[in-house]
Amino acid sequence: MPLAVRAYLTVSVCSEPIEILFRTALCCTRLDYPSKRVYILDDGGRREVRELAARLGCTYLHRPNRLGAKAGNLNYGLAHSSGELVACFDVDHVPVTSFLRETVGYFRDPNVALVQTPHTFINPDPFQRNLLLSRHIVNEQDLFYQI
């Protein structure tokens, strides 16, 4: 059973295609968890990103400068949001609906401050793609998390 805490989810975007952001943001809004808020942290300041955030019911944040690159974007988001737990997603990370239910419980342990979860990819990793072996070798992330 998950903890009864508010979750704050970030999706960081800069200049990536809106189609990729749409898939990630939509999946974040559909997570099966009672108290969450999705923030789209837009380092590109694009009108179409702001409109997408509004359409999906996400909070849109755009900082006045781009100091600190992605880390600066995340820090700006943290300073302008609230929630007991934070989940950070890249623009191309698409969480499954059970993601929060399956991870929040780890924070019951007072010694746990961070949970790193494995993730899988639809696209071939660089080794699979560059060697044209995506059907013959396993994704390198699978090796990292499962061996």
C-alpha atoms as a PDB file:
ATOM      1  CA  MET A   1       0.000   0.000   0.000  1.00  0.00           C
ATOM      2  CA  PRO A   2       1.507   3.380  -0.983  1.00  0.00           C
ATOM      3  CA  LEU A   3       2.189   6.189   1.401  1.00  0.00           C
ATOM      4  CA  ALA A   4      -0.416   8.954   1.464  1.00  0.00           C
ATOM      5  CA  VAL A   5       1.831  11.705   0.107  1.00  0.00           C
ATOM      6  CA  ARG A   6       1.673  14.155  -2.747  1.00  0.00           C
ATOM      7  CA  ALA A   7       3.878  13.318  -5.687  1.00  0.00           C
ATOM      8  CA  TYR A   8       5.446  15.990  -7.868  1.00  0.00           C
ATOM      9  CA  LEU A   9       6.422  14.770 -11.330  1.00  0.00           C
ATOM     10  CA  THR A  10       8.688  16.719 -13.636  1.00  0.00           C
ATOM     11  CA  VAL A  11       9.133  16.342 -17.355  1.00  0.00           C
ATOM     12  CA  SER A  12      12.139  18.317 -18.595  1.00  0.00           C
ATOM     13  CA  VAL A  13      12.046  19.529 -22.183  1.00  0.00           C
ATOM     14  CA  CYS A  14      14.175  21.886 -24.244  1.00  0.00           C
ATOM     15  CA  SER A  15      13.915  21.508 -28.010  1.00  0.00           C
ATOM     16  CA  GLU A  16      12.685  17.943 -28.419  1.00  0.00           C
ATOM     17  CA  PRO A  17       9.737  17.238 -30.737  1.00  0.00           C
ATOM     18  CA  ILE A  18       6.305  17.947 -29.257  1.00  0.00           C
ATOM     19  CA  GLU A  19       5.156  14.406 -30.184  1.00  0.00           C
ATOM     20  CA  ILE A  20       7.708  12.882 -27.819  1.00  0.00           C
ATOM     21  CA  LEU A  21       6.724  15.258 -25.011  1.00  0.00           C
ATOM     22  CA  PHE A  22       3.031  14.525 -25.578  1.00  0.00           C
ATOM     23  CA  ARG A  23       3.471  10.784 -25.021  1.00  0.00           C
ATOM     24  CA  THR A  24       5.482  11.252 -21.828  1.00  0.00           C
ATOM     25  CA  ALA A  25       3.281  13.990 -20.354  1.00  0.00           C
ATOM     26  CA  LEU A  26       0.086  12.075 -21.133  1.00  0.00           C
ATOM     27  CA  CYS A  27       1.413   8.944 -19.421  1.00  0.00           C
ATOM     28  CA  CYS A  28       2.460  10.992 -16.380  1.00  0.00           C
ATOM     29  CA  THR A  29      -1.056  12.424 -16.073  1.00  0.00           C
ATOM     30  CA  ARG A  30      -2.494   8.906 -16.263  1.00  0.00           C
ATOM     31  CA  LEU A  31      -0.400   7.422 -13.460  1.00  0.00           C
ATOM     32  CA  ASP A  32      -2.542   5.454 -11.042  1.00  0.00           C
ATOM     33  CA  TYR A  33      -1.894   7.485  -7.905  1.00  0.00           C
ATOM     34  CA  PRO A  34      -4.347   9.597  -5.877  1.00  0.00           C
ATOM     35  CA  SER A  35      -2.340  12.773  -5.313  1.00  0.00           C
ATOM     36  CA  LYS A  36       0.028  13.928  -8.032  1.00  0.00           C
ATOM     37  CA  ARG A  37       0.845  16.992 -10.043  1.00  0.00           C
ATOM     38  CA  VAL A  38       2.739  17.033 -13.330  1.00  0.00           C
ATOM     39  CA  TYR A  39       5.074  19.919 -14.114  1.00  0.00           C
ATOM     40  CA  ILE A  40       6.449  20.468 -17.583  1.00  0.00           C
ATOM     41  CA  LEU A  41       9.758  22.293 -17.238  1.00  0.00           C
ATOM     42  CA  ASP A  42      10.290  23.975 -20.602  1.00  0.00           C
ATOM     43  CA  ASP A  43      13.777  25.292 -21.244  1.00  0.00           C
ATOM     44  CA  GLY A  44      12.825  26.213 -24.794  1.00  0.00           C
ATOM     45  CA  GLY A  45       9.981  28.604 -23.948  1.00  0.00           C
ATOM     46  CA  ARG A  46       7.844  27.275 -26.795  1.00  0.00           C
ATOM     47  CA  ARG A  47       4.195  28.281 -27.171  1.00  0.00           C
ATOM     48  CA  GLU A  48       3.197  24.753 -28.294  1.00  0.00           C
ATOM     49  CA  VAL A  49       4.672  23.270 -25.116  1.00  0.00           C
ATOM     50  CA  ARG A  50       2.695  25.735 -22.969  1.00  0.00           C
ATOM     51  CA  GLU A  51      -0.468  24.870 -24.917  1.00  0.00           C
ATOM     52  CA  LEU A  52       0.146  21.131 -24.550  1.00  0.00           C
ATOM     53  CA  ALA A  53       0.624  21.526 -20.793  1.00  0.00           C
ATOM     54  CA  ALA A  54      -2.672  23.401 -20.522  1.00  0.00           C
ATOM     55  CA  ARG A  55      -4.497  20.823 -22.651  1.00  0.00           C
ATOM     56  CA  LEU A  56      -3.270  17.946 -20.459  1.00  0.00           C
ATOM     57  CA  GLY A  57      -3.811  19.747 -17.141  1.00  0.00           C
ATOM     58  CA  CYS A  58      -0.103  20.003 -16.366  1.00  0.00           C
ATOM     59  CA  THR A  59       1.622  22.958 -14.742  1.00  0.00           C
ATOM     60  CA  TYR A  60       3.893  24.770 -17.184  1.00  0.00           C
ATOM     61  CA  LEU A  61       7.127  26.383 -15.982  1.00  0.00           C
ATOM     62  CA  HIS A  62       9.637  28.317 -18.062  1.00  0.00           C
ATOM     63  CA  ARG A  63      12.598  29.910 -16.328  1.00  0.00           C
ATOM     64  CA  PRO A  64      13.946  33.340 -17.237  1.00  0.00           C
ATOM     65  CA  ASN A  65      17.445  32.015 -18.056  1.00  0.00           C
ATOM     66  CA  ARG A  66      19.096  28.733 -18.973  1.00  0.00           C
ATOM     67  CA  LEU A  67      21.867  28.766 -16.377  1.00  0.00           C
ATOM     68  CA  GLY A  68      22.959  25.329 -15.249  1.00  0.00           C
ATOM     69  CA  ALA A  69      21.443  23.509 -18.239  1.00  0.00           C
ATOM     70  CA  LYS A  70      19.145  20.619 -17.312  1.00  0.00           C
ATOM     71  CA  ALA A  71      20.126  20.682 -13.623  1.00  0.00           C
ATOM     72  CA  GLY A  72      19.240  24.372 -13.534  1.00  0.00           C
ATOM     73  CA  ASN A  73      15.884  23.585 -15.117  1.00  0.00           C
ATOM     74  CA  LEU A  74      15.168  20.929 -12.478  1.00  0.00           C
ATOM     75  CA  ASN A  75      16.264  23.247  -9.654  1.00  0.00           C
ATOM     76  CA  TYR A  76      13.958  25.967 -10.978  1.00  0.00           C
ATOM     77  CA  GLY A  77      11.111  23.466 -11.046  1.00  0.00           C
ATOM     78  CA  LEU A  78      11.797  22.356  -7.478  1.00  0.00           C
ATOM     79  CA  ALA A  79      11.840  25.964  -6.268  1.00  0.00           C
ATOM     80  CA  HIS A  80       8.449  26.671  -7.885  1.00  0.00           C
ATOM     81  CA  SER A  81       6.522  23.571  -6.863  1.00  0.00           C
ATOM     82  CA  SER A  82       5.514  21.528  -3.868  1.00  0.00           C
ATOM     83  CA  GLY A  83       5.096  17.889  -2.959  1.00  0.00           C
ATOM     84  CA  GLU A  84       6.582  15.358  -0.575  1.00  0.00           C
ATOM     85  CA  LEU A  85       8.081  13.164  -3.296  1.00  0.00           C
ATOM     86  CA  VAL A  86       9.630  14.076  -6.635  1.00  0.00           C
ATOM     87  CA  ALA A  87       9.819  11.887  -9.732  1.00  0.00           C
ATOM     88  CA  CYS A  88      11.925  13.239 -12.591  1.00  0.00           C
ATOM     89  CA  PHE A  89      11.335  12.130 -16.158  1.00  0.00           C
ATOM     90  CA  ASP A  90      13.237  13.006 -19.290  1.00  0.00           C
ATOM     91  CA  VAL A  91      11.115  14.032 -22.219  1.00  0.00           C
ATOM     92  CA  ASP A  92      11.396  10.521 -23.690  1.00  0.00           C
ATOM     93  CA  HIS A  93      10.685   8.551 -20.496  1.00  0.00           C
ATOM     94  CA  VAL A  94       7.235   7.008 -20.601  1.00  0.00           C
ATOM     95  CA  PRO A  95       6.217   5.614 -17.189  1.00  0.00           C
ATOM     96  CA  VAL A  96       3.811   2.696 -16.826  1.00  0.00           C
ATOM     97  CA  THR A  97       0.585   3.515 -14.963  1.00  0.00           C
ATOM     98  CA  SER A  98       1.688   1.607 -11.851  1.00  0.00           C
ATOM     99  CA  PHE A  99       5.045   3.444 -11.522  1.00  0.00           C
ATOM    100  CA  LEU A 100       4.194   5.524  -8.435  1.00  0.00           C
ATOM    101  CA  ARG A 101       2.222   2.772  -6.673  1.00  0.00           C
ATOM    102  CA  GLU A 102       5.181   0.440  -7.085  1.00  0.00           C
ATOM    103  CA  THR A 103       7.890   2.865  -5.917  1.00  0.00           C
ATOM    104  CA  VAL A 104       6.396   5.147  -3.254  1.00  0.00           C
ATOM    105  CA  GLY A 105       6.309   2.387  -0.630  1.00  0.00           C
ATOM    106  CA  TYR A 106      10.116   2.250  -0.500  1.00  0.00           C
ATOM    107  CA  PHE A 107      10.038   5.616   1.268  1.00  0.00           C
ATOM    108  CA  ARG A 108       8.439   4.046   4.340  1.00  0.00           C
ATOM    109  CA  ASP A 109      11.987   3.188   5.358  1.00  0.00           C
ATOM    110  CA  PRO A 110      13.339   6.380   7.013  1.00  0.00           C
ATOM    111  CA  ASN A 111      16.805   5.592   5.631  1.00  0.00           C
ATOM    112  CA  VAL A 112      15.586   5.819   2.026  1.00  0.00           C
ATOM    113  CA  ALA A 113      15.905   9.224   0.384  1.00  0.00           C
ATOM    114  CA  LEU A 114      16.219   8.198  -3.273  1.00  0.00           C
ATOM    115  CA  VAL A 115      14.872   5.335  -5.341  1.00  0.00           C
ATOM    116  CA  GLN A 116      16.454   4.593  -8.731  1.00  0.00           C
ATOM    117  CA  THR A 117      14.315   2.389 -10.923  1.00  0.00           C
ATOM    118  CA  PRO A 118      15.236   0.478 -14.050  1.00  0.00           C
ATOM    119  CA  HIS A 119      13.748   1.592 -17.308  1.00  0.00           C
ATOM    120  CA  THR A 120      13.492   0.002 -20.698  1.00  0.00           C
ATOM    121  CA  PHE A 121      13.600   1.504 -24.138  1.00  0.00           C
ATOM    122  CA  ILE A 122      11.515   1.088 -27.255  1.00  0.00           C
ATOM    123  CA  ASN A 123      14.394   2.294 -29.408  1.00  0.00           C
ATOM    124  CA  PRO A 124      17.574   0.227 -29.826  1.00  0.00           C
ATOM    125  CA  ASP A 125      20.495   1.356 -27.682  1.00  0.00           C
ATOM    126  CA  PRO A 126      23.634   2.686 -29.437  1.00  0.00           C
ATOM    127  CA  PHE A 127      25.295  -0.750 -29.592  1.00  0.00           C
ATOM    128  CA  GLN A 128      22.218  -2.406 -31.050  1.00  0.00           C
ATOM    129  CA  ARG A 129      21.643   0.424 -33.529  1.00  0.00           C
ATOM    130  CA  ASN A 130      25.242   1.020 -34.655  1.00  0.00           C
ATOM    131  CA  LEU A 131      26.036  -2.672 -35.099  1.00  0.00           C
ATOM    132  CA  LEU A 132      22.612  -3.434 -36.641  1.00  0.00           C
ATOM    133  CA  LEU A 133      22.123  -6.155 -34.040  1.00  0.00           C
ATOM    134  CA  SER A 134      18.935  -5.125 -32.219  1.00  0.00           C
ATOM    135  CA  ARG A 135      17.407  -8.565 -32.855  1.00  0.00           C
ATOM    136  CA  HIS A 136      20.495 -10.404 -31.656  1.00  0.00           C
ATOM    137  CA  ILE A 137      21.882  -8.643 -28.570  1.00  0.00           C
ATOM    138  CA  VAL A 138      20.090  -7.512 -25.442  1.00  0.00           C
ATOM    139  CA  ASN A 139      19.640  -3.806 -24.631  1.00  0.00           C
ATOM    140  CA  GLU A 140      22.524  -2.558 -22.465  1.00  0.00           C
ATOM    141  CA  GLN A 141      20.074  -1.231 -19.807  1.00  0.00           C
ATOM    142  CA  ASP A 142      18.742  -4.774 -19.388  1.00  0.00           C
ATOM    143  CA  LEU A 143      22.295  -5.925 -18.675  1.00  0.00           C
ATOM    144  CA  PHE A 144      22.824  -3.134 -16.140  1.00  0.00           C
ATOM    145  CA  TYR A 145      19.652  -3.831 -14.149  1.00  0.00           C
ATOM    146  CA  GLN A 146      19.102  -7.560 -14.554  1.00  0.00           C
ATOM    147  CA  ILE A 147      22.461  -9.312 -14.439  1.00  0.00           C
END
